[in-house]
C-alpha cells in the first residue's frame, strides 16, 4: 500500500467536470488500495476562491482531505491587468511581477505549500493536478519525493510566462489526458517529454434508452459553465446565423450550466437551465439530438464523453485539438472552425440521421474502450507502480 499525496487547487466530491472531477476520480480509485491524502484549498468556487469549506483535516470515503485557507480572494480584473502587463514585457518580466499574477490567479495558500515542503517525507509519491494554479507551481520546486504532473494543459496566454517553467521540464513525469495535449505541450515548451502517461478520466456507463423513438429530436445541448472563455458568445452568434439562413424554428439550443461574466441572448430558441443534477443532465442528453462544445481550450472534455456514452453525436470547435482528435479517433462527431462550417456541419447531421446515429454509437464504443473505470484504474495502478520504482 503506497502513501499517495494529491495536490490540487479545489477538491469537490460532486464535481461535474474539469480538473475537479479528475482529481476526485483519481483519489477515489487510488484509495481502493492505497493510503491517499489530498492537500487542497478551502475554496469551492474558482472565480472568487472564497473560503467556504472548513479548514483542517477530515476523512471522506477513505480519502484524507486536508484543506488550507486561501489568503486572498481573486480579483479577475486585477488578475487580467497584471497578466497583460507581464505578457507585454515578455522575457524581461520580473519574478516579482509574475508572482503577483500567480497570487491573483490563486488559490493563494502558502500554508498548503509549507505543509507539503515539511511533511512530504511521510508520503511515497505525489500527484499534482492543474499546471496553472499557485499550489502546484509553488510546490514543485520543493518536492524531493517522486511526483507526476497532470497539467490539464490548454494553449492559453498564461503558459507563456517564464514562471510556468517551474511546471515543465523534460526530467519531470507527466500524465496527459489526450495525445493532443502532449503535442501542444511540447510545441509550446520546445522540448520533448521523456516520460509520460496518457490516462484521462472515466465516464460512468449511465446509458438508459428512455426514449427509443428519439430519431426526430431537434434539441441541441451544451453542458458546463456558460462564459466567454468557453466560446459561448461565438456559439450563440453561429447558431443565430444558422437559424437566419435555415429558417427553421423546430431546432432549439438548450444550455445546461451556470452563467458567468457574460450577457446571454434573448432568443426563444436558446434556453438556459442553470445548474442541473446528474439525473436531469442524463435525461436532457437523452432527449437531445446532439451535443455542442464550443470551447477552444480543452485538455479532455468530459461533456462529449457524456454525450457519447448515451450514443449521441457531437459537434465541437475544431480549434480544440483535443476534441478534434477525439472525434477523428472515435468517428463520433464533426467539428467547425467558423460560422459557415458550423452551418454546413449542423445541416449535414440534421439531414443525415442514420449517419449521426452511427456516430453516436461509435462514440459510445470509444468511451467504453478507453475511458471506463476499469481502464482508468489499470492505468493509474501502472503509473503508481512506475513511480514507486
Protein backbone atom coordinates (compact mmCIF):
# COMPACT_ATOMS: atom_id res chain seq x y z
CA UNK A 1 0.00 0.00 0.00
CA UNK A 2 1.51 3.28 -1.13
CA UNK A 3 1.08 6.59 0.65
CA UNK A 4 -0.05 8.97 -2.09
CA UNK A 5 -0.26 12.76 -1.84
CA UNK A 6 -2.56 14.57 -4.30
CA UNK A 7 -2.09 18.34 -4.66
CA UNK A 8 -4.91 20.26 -6.35
CA UNK A 9 -6.47 23.73 -6.20
CA UNK A 10 -10.01 22.53 -5.45
CA UNK A 11 -11.43 19.21 -4.36
CA UNK A 12 -15.16 18.64 -4.77
CA UNK A 13 -16.98 15.38 -4.20
CA UNK A 14 -19.71 16.06 -6.75
CA UNK A 15 -17.71 17.90 -9.40
CA UNK A 16 -19.41 17.56 -12.77
CA UNK A 17 -16.30 18.13 -14.86
CA UNK A 18 -12.88 19.65 -15.27
CA UNK A 19 -9.78 19.08 -13.18
CA UNK A 20 -12.00 18.81 -10.11
CA UNK A 21 -13.72 15.68 -11.38
CA UNK A 22 -10.40 14.21 -12.46
CA UNK A 23 -8.86 14.87 -9.03
CA UNK A 24 -11.77 13.27 -7.21
CA UNK A 25 -11.86 10.29 -9.59
CA UNK A 26 -8.12 9.66 -9.13
CA UNK A 27 -8.34 9.96 -5.35
CA UNK A 28 -11.34 7.61 -5.21
CA UNK A 29 -9.78 4.94 -7.42
CA UNK A 30 -6.34 5.08 -5.80
CA UNK A 31 -7.82 4.95 -2.28
CA UNK A 32 -9.19 1.48 -3.07
CA UNK A 33 -5.72 0.01 -2.48
CA UNK A 34 -3.59 2.91 -1.22
CA UNK A 35 -3.46 5.48 1.56
CA UNK A 36 -4.48 8.74 -0.19
CA UNK A 37 -4.19 12.27 1.19
CA UNK A 38 -5.45 15.31 -0.72
CA UNK A 39 -3.98 18.74 0.00
CA UNK A 40 -6.24 21.46 -1.32
CA UNK A 41 -7.80 24.85 -0.60
CA UNK A 42 -10.91 25.75 1.37
CA UNK A 43 -12.40 27.22 -1.82
CA UNK A 44 -15.47 25.88 -3.56
CA UNK A 45 -15.71 28.50 -6.33
CA UNK A 46 -12.74 29.03 -8.66
CA UNK A 47 -13.83 32.51 -9.73
CA UNK A 48 -13.54 34.09 -6.28
CA UNK A 49 -11.51 31.47 -4.32
CA UNK A 50 -13.67 32.38 -1.34
CA UNK A 51 -13.11 30.14 1.69
CA UNK A 52 -16.26 28.03 2.03
CA UNK A 53 -15.02 24.68 3.33
CA UNK A 54 -13.82 24.27 6.92
CA UNK A 55 -10.03 24.32 7.16
CA UNK A 56 -8.23 21.32 8.58
CA UNK A 57 -8.38 17.57 8.13
CA UNK A 58 -11.29 15.22 7.60
CA UNK A 59 -11.91 11.76 6.17
CA UNK A 60 -14.30 11.23 3.24
CA UNK A 61 -14.77 7.75 1.78
CA UNK A 62 -11.27 6.58 2.80
CA UNK A 63 -9.68 9.77 1.44
CA UNK A 64 -7.91 12.03 3.93
CA UNK A 65 -8.53 15.64 2.90
CA UNK A 66 -6.50 18.49 4.36
CA UNK A 67 -7.86 21.93 3.47
CA UNK A 68 -5.90 25.14 3.78
CA UNK A 69 -7.35 28.67 3.84
CA UNK A 70 -6.96 30.98 0.85
CA UNK A 71 -5.25 34.19 1.98
CA UNK A 72 -6.96 36.41 -0.59
CA UNK A 73 -9.96 36.24 -2.88
CA UNK A 74 -9.49 36.65 -6.60
CA UNK A 75 -9.99 39.96 -8.38
CA UNK A 76 -10.41 38.95 -12.02
CA UNK A 77 -9.96 42.50 -13.36
CA UNK A 78 -6.72 42.96 -11.43
CA UNK A 79 -5.51 39.48 -12.40
CA UNK A 80 -6.05 40.10 -16.12
CA UNK A 81 -4.40 43.53 -15.89
CA UNK A 82 -1.30 42.03 -14.25
CA UNK A 83 -1.25 39.18 -16.78
CA UNK A 84 -1.37 41.59 -19.74
CA UNK A 85 1.42 43.68 -18.24
CA UNK A 86 3.55 40.57 -17.74
CA UNK A 87 2.93 39.31 -21.28
CA UNK A 88 3.80 42.70 -22.79
CA UNK A 89 7.22 42.59 -21.11
CA UNK A 90 8.00 39.12 -22.45
CA UNK A 91 11.26 37.62 -21.17
CA UNK A 92 12.14 40.84 -19.37
CA UNK A 93 9.24 40.48 -16.92
CA UNK A 94 10.44 40.31 -13.32
CA UNK A 95 9.86 37.39 -10.95
CA UNK A 96 8.08 39.76 -8.56
CA UNK A 97 5.54 40.76 -11.26
CA UNK A 98 4.92 37.16 -12.22
CA UNK A 99 4.48 36.14 -8.60
CA UNK A 100 1.86 38.87 -8.20
CA UNK A 101 -0.01 37.31 -11.11
CA UNK A 102 0.33 33.84 -9.61
CA UNK A 103 -1.08 35.09 -6.29
CA UNK A 104 -4.05 36.65 -8.10
CA UNK A 105 -4.52 33.50 -10.18
CA UNK A 106 -4.63 31.66 -6.87
CA UNK A 107 -5.73 29.99 -4.81
CA UNK A 108 -3.04 31.64 -2.70
CA UNK A 109 -2.48 29.08 0.08
CA UNK A 110 1.08 29.48 1.42
CA UNK A 111 0.22 27.24 4.38
CA UNK A 112 -0.51 24.41 1.94
CA UNK A 113 2.91 24.78 0.31
CA UNK A 114 4.63 24.95 3.70
CA UNK A 115 2.87 21.76 4.81
CA UNK A 116 3.94 19.88 1.66
CA UNK A 117 7.53 21.09 1.99
CA UNK A 118 7.77 19.93 5.64
CA UNK A 119 5.64 16.77 5.56
CA UNK A 120 6.38 15.29 2.12
CA UNK A 121 8.62 12.55 3.54
CA UNK A 122 5.55 10.93 5.06
CA UNK A 123 4.42 10.11 1.51
CA UNK A 124 5.81 7.81 -1.17
CA UNK A 125 4.70 9.76 -4.25
CA UNK A 126 2.84 12.94 -5.17
CA UNK A 127 0.34 13.67 -7.95
CA UNK A 128 -0.06 17.35 -8.87
CA UNK A 129 -3.18 18.32 -10.81
CA UNK A 130 -3.50 21.55 -12.83
CA UNK A 131 -0.37 23.37 -14.05
CA UNK A 132 -1.91 26.85 -13.80
CA UNK A 133 -2.52 27.37 -10.09
CA UNK A 134 -0.45 28.51 -7.15
CA UNK A 135 -0.47 25.26 -5.08
CA UNK A 136 1.10 23.28 -7.93
CA UNK A 137 3.54 25.91 -9.22
CA UNK A 138 4.77 26.79 -5.72
CA UNK A 139 5.05 23.16 -4.56
CA UNK A 140 7.10 21.71 -7.43
CA UNK A 141 10.48 23.33 -6.57
CA UNK A 142 10.23 21.97 -3.01
CA UNK A 143 9.38 18.36 -3.84
CA UNK A 144 12.01 15.72 -3.10
CA UNK A 145 9.74 12.65 -3.43
CA UNK A 146 8.79 11.12 -6.82
CA UNK A 147 5.93 13.01 -8.45
CA UNK A 148 3.84 13.16 -11.59
CA UNK A 149 2.20 16.28 -13.03
CA UNK A 150 -1.29 16.08 -14.55
CA UNK A 151 -1.17 19.51 -16.24
CA UNK A 152 -4.65 19.62 -17.84
CA UNK A 153 -2.82 21.91 -20.23
CA UNK A 154 -4.53 24.40 -22.56
CA UNK A 155 -2.79 26.51 -25.19
CA UNK A 156 -3.51 29.76 -23.35
CA UNK A 157 -1.68 33.06 -22.67
CA UNK A 158 -0.52 32.49 -19.05
CA UNK A 159 1.58 29.48 -20.05
CA UNK A 160 3.92 31.84 -21.91
CA UNK A 161 5.08 33.38 -18.61
CA UNK A 162 8.55 32.23 -17.53
CA UNK A 163 7.23 31.38 -14.04
CA UNK A 164 5.42 28.37 -15.51
CA UNK A 165 8.74 26.86 -16.49
CA UNK A 166 8.64 25.53 -12.93
CA UNK A 167 5.87 23.19 -14.08
CA UNK A 168 7.69 21.79 -17.09
CA UNK A 169 10.97 20.05 -17.59
CA UNK A 170 11.89 17.07 -19.70
CA UNK A 171 13.05 15.46 -16.44
CA UNK A 172 9.52 15.52 -15.00
CA UNK A 173 6.94 12.77 -15.44
CA UNK A 174 3.55 13.78 -16.82
CA UNK A 175 0.11 12.31 -17.24
CA UNK A 176 -1.73 13.80 -20.21
CA UNK A 177 -5.43 13.46 -20.90
CA UNK A 178 -5.06 13.09 -24.67
CA UNK A 179 -2.28 12.79 -27.28
CA UNK A 180 -3.08 16.30 -28.50
CA UNK A 181 -2.43 17.76 -25.03
CA UNK A 182 1.05 16.21 -25.21
CA UNK A 183 1.67 17.69 -28.69
CA UNK A 184 0.53 21.18 -27.71
CA UNK A 185 2.63 20.95 -24.56
CA UNK A 186 5.78 20.02 -26.49
CA UNK A 187 5.17 22.66 -29.15
CA UNK A 188 4.87 25.37 -26.50
CA UNK A 189 7.77 24.24 -24.30
CA UNK A 190 10.06 23.45 -27.25
CA UNK A 191 11.23 20.30 -25.54
CA UNK A 192 10.42 16.63 -25.72
CA UNK A 193 8.85 14.92 -22.73
CA UNK A 194 10.94 11.90 -21.75
CA UNK A 195 8.41 10.11 -19.56
CA UNK A 196 4.63 10.36 -19.64
CA UNK A 197 1.31 8.55 -19.37
CA UNK A 198 -1.91 9.01 -21.35
CA UNK A 199 -4.77 8.44 -18.94
CA UNK A 200 -7.69 10.89 -18.86
CA UNK A 201 -10.57 10.09 -16.55
CA UNK A 202 -13.51 7.73 -16.53
CA UNK A 203 -17.13 8.14 -17.56
CA UNK A 204 -19.85 6.18 -15.80
CA UNK A 205 -21.88 3.96 -18.10
CA UNK A 206 -25.27 5.53 -17.36
CA UNK A 207 -26.89 4.53 -20.66
CA UNK A 208 -30.67 4.43 -20.36
CA UNK A 209 -32.71 4.05 -23.50
CA UNK A 210 -35.50 6.18 -22.06
CA UNK A 211 -36.66 7.49 -25.41
CA UNK A 212 -36.07 4.88 -28.12
CA UNK A 213 -38.16 6.81 -30.64
CA UNK A 214 -35.95 9.88 -30.48
CA UNK A 215 -34.84 9.93 -34.10
CA UNK A 216 -36.73 13.14 -34.74
CA UNK A 217 -35.33 15.05 -31.75
CA UNK A 218 -34.19 18.54 -32.69
CA UNK A 219 -32.80 19.74 -29.36
CA UNK A 220 -29.12 20.62 -29.30
CA UNK A 221 -27.44 20.91 -25.90
CA UNK A 222 -24.31 22.24 -24.25
CA UNK A 223 -23.06 21.13 -20.83
CA UNK A 224 -20.95 23.23 -18.48
CA UNK A 225 -20.30 26.75 -17.30
CA UNK A 226 -21.53 29.38 -19.78
CA UNK A 227 -18.82 32.00 -20.11
CA UNK A 228 -16.79 33.80 -22.80
CA UNK A 229 -13.65 31.70 -22.21
CA UNK A 230 -15.65 28.60 -23.16
CA UNK A 231 -16.57 30.01 -26.58
CA UNK A 232 -20.26 30.70 -25.91
CA UNK A 233 -20.55 34.19 -27.48
CA UNK A 234 -19.28 32.75 -30.75
CA UNK A 235 -21.57 29.72 -30.50
CA UNK A 236 -24.65 31.87 -29.96
CA UNK A 237 -23.68 34.03 -32.93
CA UNK A 238 -23.13 30.98 -35.15
CA UNK A 239 -26.39 29.35 -34.07
CA UNK A 240 -28.39 32.51 -34.73
CA UNK A 241 -26.70 32.94 -38.13
CA UNK A 242 -27.55 29.33 -38.98
CA UNK A 243 -31.14 29.89 -37.89
CA UNK A 244 -31.38 33.03 -40.01
CA UNK A 245 -30.39 31.15 -43.16
CA UNK A 246 -32.11 27.85 -42.44
CA UNK A 247 -35.47 29.42 -41.50
CA UNK A 248 -36.00 26.56 -39.04
CA UNK A 249 -37.98 27.15 -35.88
CA UNK A 250 -38.02 23.49 -34.82
CA UNK A 251 -34.36 23.30 -33.69
CA UNK A 252 -33.55 24.64 -30.23
CA UNK A 253 -30.36 25.04 -28.23
CA UNK A 254 -30.52 24.19 -24.51
CA UNK A 255 -27.58 25.21 -22.32
CA UNK A 256 -27.10 23.27 -19.08
CA UNK A 257 -24.95 25.11 -16.56
CA UNK A 258 -24.46 28.33 -14.65
CA UNK A 259 -23.87 31.63 -16.44
CA UNK A 260 -20.77 33.70 -15.64
CA UNK A 261 -19.42 37.05 -16.82
CA UNK A 262 -21.46 37.45 -19.99
CA UNK A 263 -24.72 38.70 -21.44
CA UNK A 264 -26.92 35.95 -22.80
CA UNK A 265 -29.07 36.31 -25.91
CA UNK A 266 -32.80 36.75 -25.55
CA UNK A 267 -33.83 34.22 -28.14
CA UNK A 268 -36.82 31.84 -27.79
CA UNK A 269 -34.77 29.08 -29.43
CA UNK A 270 -31.93 29.35 -26.89
CA UNK A 271 -32.85 28.09 -23.43
CA UNK A 272 -30.83 28.34 -20.21
CA UNK A 273 -31.50 25.89 -17.39
CA UNK A 274 -28.88 26.89 -14.82
CA UNK A 275 -27.15 24.14 -12.87
CA UNK A 276 -28.87 20.74 -13.14
CA UNK A 277 -28.49 17.46 -11.25
CA UNK A 278 -26.72 14.45 -12.76
CA UNK A 279 -30.09 12.76 -13.31
CA UNK A 280 -31.50 15.81 -15.10
CA UNK A 281 -28.36 16.09 -17.20
CA UNK A 282 -28.61 12.48 -18.39
CA UNK A 283 -32.30 12.94 -19.19
CA UNK A 284 -31.56 16.09 -21.22
CA UNK A 285 -28.81 14.32 -23.15
CA UNK A 286 -31.22 11.51 -23.96
CA UNK A 287 -33.86 13.99 -25.16
CA UNK A 288 -31.35 15.71 -27.43
CA UNK A 289 -30.13 15.11 -30.94
CA UNK A 290 -26.51 16.11 -30.36
CA UNK A 291 -24.13 17.90 -28.02
CA UNK A 292 -22.22 21.06 -28.90
CA UNK A 293 -18.93 22.01 -27.24
CA UNK A 294 -17.75 25.48 -28.37
CA UNK A 295 -14.59 25.64 -26.22
CA UNK A 296 -11.24 26.12 -27.94
CA UNK A 297 -9.37 25.16 -24.76
CA UNK A 298 -9.88 21.59 -23.60
CA UNK A 299 -7.46 19.03 -22.20
CA UNK A 300 -10.07 16.23 -22.24
CA UNK A 301 -13.77 17.29 -22.45
CA UNK A 302 -15.95 15.21 -20.19
CA UNK A 303 -19.10 16.62 -21.78
CA UNK A 304 -18.51 14.98 -25.17
CA UNK A 305 -17.81 11.68 -23.42
CA UNK A 306 -21.08 12.01 -21.50
CA UNK A 307 -22.91 12.53 -24.80
CA UNK A 308 -21.15 9.60 -26.44
CA UNK A 309 -21.95 7.19 -23.60
CA UNK A 310 -25.62 8.00 -24.40
CA UNK A 311 -24.94 7.32 -28.13
CA UNK A 312 -25.30 10.98 -29.13
CA UNK A 313 -23.10 12.56 -31.82
CA UNK A 314 -21.17 15.73 -31.06
CA UNK A 315 -20.27 18.92 -32.90
CA UNK A 316 -17.20 20.67 -31.49
CA UNK A 317 -14.90 23.62 -32.01
CA UNK A 318 -12.10 22.49 -34.34
CA UNK A 319 -9.71 24.92 -32.63
CA UNK A 320 -9.63 22.45 -29.73
CA UNK A 321 -7.05 19.96 -30.97
CA UNK A 322 -8.03 17.59 -28.15
CA UNK A 323 -11.71 17.38 -29.10
CA UNK A 324 -10.78 17.33 -32.78
CA UNK A 325 -8.58 14.31 -32.07
CA UNK A 326 -11.28 12.55 -30.05
CA UNK A 327 -13.71 12.97 -32.96
CA UNK A 328 -11.24 11.60 -35.50
CA UNK A 329 -10.28 8.60 -33.38
CA UNK A 330 -13.84 7.73 -32.43
CA UNK A 331 -15.63 8.73 -35.66
CA UNK A 332 -18.19 10.05 -33.20
CA UNK A 333 -18.65 13.63 -34.30
CA UNK A 334 -17.84 16.57 -36.53
CA UNK A 335 -16.14 19.93 -35.96
CA UNK A 336 -16.45 23.53 -37.15
CA UNK A 337 -13.99 26.40 -37.46
CA UNK A 338 -16.19 29.33 -38.47
CA UNK A 339 -19.81 30.32 -38.99
CA UNK A 340 -20.09 28.73 -42.44
CA UNK A 341 -18.62 25.38 -41.39
CA UNK A 342 -20.91 25.41 -38.35
CA UNK A 343 -23.92 25.82 -40.63
CA UNK A 344 -22.79 23.13 -43.06
CA UNK A 345 -21.91 20.50 -40.45
CA UNK A 346 -25.08 21.10 -38.43
CA UNK A 347 -27.19 20.83 -41.59
CA UNK A 348 -25.40 17.62 -42.58
CA UNK A 349 -26.06 15.97 -39.23
CA UNK A 350 -29.70 17.05 -39.09
CA UNK A 351 -30.33 15.82 -42.64
CA UNK A 352 -28.45 12.51 -42.27
CA UNK A 353 -29.90 10.94 -39.14
CA UNK A 354 -28.60 7.43 -39.80
CA UNK A 355 -25.03 8.69 -40.10
CA UNK A 356 -25.49 10.85 -37.00
CA UNK A 357 -26.86 7.87 -35.06
CA UNK A 358 -23.91 5.77 -36.18
CA UNK A 359 -21.54 8.47 -34.92
CA UNK A 360 -23.23 8.33 -31.54
CA UNK A 361 -22.80 4.54 -31.44
CA UNK A 362 -19.14 4.89 -32.45
CA UNK A 363 -18.65 7.41 -29.66
CA UNK A 364 -20.06 5.04 -27.06
CA UNK A 365 -17.71 2.26 -28.13
CA UNK A 366 -14.77 4.70 -27.97
CA UNK A 367 -15.59 5.73 -24.41
CA UNK A 368 -16.10 2.15 -23.22
CA UNK A 369 -12.81 1.05 -24.77
CA UNK A 370 -10.71 3.95 -23.45
CA UNK A 371 -12.41 5.67 -20.52
CA UNK A 372 -14.25 3.08 -18.45
CA UNK A 373 -13.48 2.92 -14.74
CA UNK A 374 -11.62 -0.38 -15.13
CA UNK A 375 -9.41 1.02 -17.89
CA UNK A 376 -8.54 4.14 -15.88
CA UNK A 377 -7.93 2.06 -12.72
CA UNK A 378 -5.44 -0.14 -14.58
CA UNK A 379 -3.61 2.87 -16.00
CA UNK A 380 -3.42 4.62 -12.62
CA UNK A 381 -2.10 1.49 -10.92
CA UNK A 382 0.57 1.16 -13.61
CA UNK A 383 1.54 4.80 -13.07
CA UNK A 384 1.84 4.35 -9.30
CA UNK A 385 3.92 1.19 -9.74
CA UNK A 386 6.32 3.02 -12.03
CA UNK A 387 6.68 5.98 -9.67
CA UNK A 388 7.39 3.65 -6.76
CA UNK A 389 10.13 2.15 -8.91
